[in-house]
Amino acid sequence: MKKKITKAQKAYMQNPIIQFFKFIYLNIRILLIVAGGHGGTRK
């Protein structure tokens, strides 16, 4: 079963700028979680 995707959603999904920002946002979140969770290098 394929979910029906509207034209607006398709354009949103295929927008490289939005994809790029989402990718950076996720990377920053992961970096913050990793850095915060491990308390950096100083301990």
N, C-alpha and C. Protein backbone atom coordinates (compact mmCIF):
# COMPACT_ATOMS: atom_id res chain seq x y z
N MET A 1 0.85 -1.21 0.00
CA MET A 1 0.00 0.00 0.00
C MET A 1 0.88 1.26 0.00
N LYS A 2 0.71 2.04 -1.03
CA LYS A 2 1.47 3.29 -1.11
C LYS A 2 0.62 4.44 -0.59
N LYS A 3 1.22 5.22 0.29
CA LYS A 3 0.51 6.40 0.80
C LYS A 3 0.45 7.46 -0.28
N LYS A 4 -0.68 8.12 -0.38
CA LYS A 4 -0.83 9.16 -1.40
C LYS A 4 -0.10 10.42 -0.93
N ILE A 5 0.77 10.92 -1.79
CA ILE A 5 1.54 12.12 -1.47
C ILE A 5 1.03 13.28 -2.33
N THR A 6 0.71 14.38 -1.69
CA THR A 6 0.23 15.54 -2.44
C THR A 6 1.40 16.20 -3.16
N LYS A 7 1.05 17.06 -4.12
CA LYS A 7 2.11 17.73 -4.89
C LYS A 7 2.96 18.61 -3.98
N ALA A 8 2.33 19.26 -3.01
CA ALA A 8 3.07 20.13 -2.08
C ALA A 8 4.06 19.31 -1.26
N GLN A 9 3.61 18.15 -0.78
CA GLN A 9 4.48 17.28 0.01
C GLN A 9 5.65 16.78 -0.83
N LYS A 10 5.35 16.44 -2.09
CA LYS A 10 6.39 15.93 -2.97
C LYS A 10 7.44 17.01 -3.22
N ALA A 11 6.98 18.23 -3.45
CA ALA A 11 7.90 19.36 -3.68
C ALA A 11 8.73 19.60 -2.43
N TYR A 12 8.10 19.49 -1.28
CA TYR A 12 8.80 19.69 0.00
C TYR A 12 9.87 18.63 0.19
N MET A 13 9.53 17.39 -0.11
CA MET A 13 10.46 16.26 0.06
C MET A 13 11.65 16.39 -0.90
N GLN A 14 11.39 16.89 -2.10
CA GLN A 14 12.44 16.94 -3.12
C GLN A 14 13.23 18.25 -3.08
N ASN A 15 12.87 19.15 -2.16
CA ASN A 15 13.57 20.43 -2.08
C ASN A 15 14.94 20.21 -1.46
N PRO A 16 16.03 20.41 -2.21
CA PRO A 16 17.37 20.12 -1.69
C PRO A 16 17.78 21.06 -0.55
N ILE A 17 17.26 22.29 -0.56
CA ILE A 17 17.61 23.24 0.50
C ILE A 17 17.03 22.77 1.84
N ILE A 18 15.77 22.35 1.81
CA ILE A 18 15.14 21.85 3.04
C ILE A 18 15.86 20.60 3.51
N GLN A 19 16.18 19.71 2.58
CA GLN A 19 16.90 18.48 2.93
C GLN A 19 18.23 18.80 3.58
N PHE A 20 18.92 19.79 3.02
CA PHE A 20 20.24 20.20 3.51
C PHE A 20 20.14 20.73 4.94
N PHE A 21 19.13 21.58 5.19
CA PHE A 21 18.96 22.13 6.53
C PHE A 21 18.58 21.06 7.53
N LYS A 22 17.72 20.12 7.10
CA LYS A 22 17.32 19.02 7.98
C LYS A 22 18.56 18.20 8.35
N PHE A 23 19.41 17.94 7.37
CA PHE A 23 20.62 17.16 7.58
C PHE A 23 21.55 17.85 8.58
N ILE A 24 21.75 19.15 8.40
CA ILE A 24 22.61 19.91 9.31
C ILE A 24 22.01 19.94 10.71
N TYR A 25 20.70 20.15 10.78
CA TYR A 25 20.01 20.20 12.07
C TYR A 25 20.20 18.89 12.83
N LEU A 26 20.02 17.77 12.13
CA LEU A 26 20.20 16.46 12.76
C LEU A 26 21.65 16.27 13.21
N ASN A 27 22.59 16.68 12.39
CA ASN A 27 24.01 16.55 12.74
C ASN A 27 24.36 17.34 13.98
N ILE A 28 23.85 18.57 14.05
CA ILE A 28 24.12 19.41 15.22
C ILE A 28 23.50 18.78 16.47
N ARG A 29 22.29 18.28 16.36
CA ARG A 29 21.64 17.64 17.51
C ARG A 29 22.44 16.44 17.98
N ILE A 30 22.90 15.62 17.03
CA ILE A 30 23.69 14.43 17.39
C ILE A 30 24.99 14.86 18.06
N LEU A 31 25.66 15.86 17.49
CA LEU A 31 26.92 16.35 18.07
C LEU A 31 26.69 16.87 19.48
N LEU A 32 25.61 17.62 19.68
CA LEU A 32 25.33 18.17 21.01
C LEU A 32 25.05 17.05 22.00
N ILE A 33 24.28 16.05 21.58
CA ILE A 33 23.96 14.92 22.46
C ILE A 33 25.23 14.17 22.82
N VAL A 34 26.07 13.90 21.81
CA VAL A 34 27.31 13.15 22.05
C VAL A 34 28.25 13.95 22.95
N ALA A 35 28.45 15.24 22.62
CA ALA A 35 29.36 16.08 23.39
C ALA A 35 28.83 16.26 24.81
N GLY A 36 27.54 16.49 24.95
CA GLY A 36 26.95 16.70 26.27
C GLY A 36 26.96 15.42 27.09
N GLY A 37 26.64 14.30 26.45
CA GLY A 37 26.57 13.02 27.13
C GLY A 37 27.91 12.56 27.65
N HIS A 38 28.99 12.90 26.93
CA HIS A 38 30.32 12.43 27.32
C HIS A 38 31.08 13.49 28.13
N GLY A 39 30.47 14.67 28.29
CA GLY A 39 31.10 15.71 29.07
C GLY A 39 32.37 16.24 28.44
N GLY A 40 32.47 16.19 27.12
CA GLY A 40 33.64 16.70 26.42
C GLY A 40 34.87 15.85 26.70
N THR A 41 36.05 16.45 26.58
CA THR A 41 37.29 15.70 26.77
C THR A 41 37.84 15.90 28.17
N ARG A 42 37.36 16.96 28.85
CA ARG A 42 37.89 17.26 30.19
C ARG A 42 37.07 16.53 31.25
N LYS A 43 37.75 15.84 32.13
CA LYS A 43 37.04 15.23 33.25
C LYS A 43 38.02 14.90 34.36
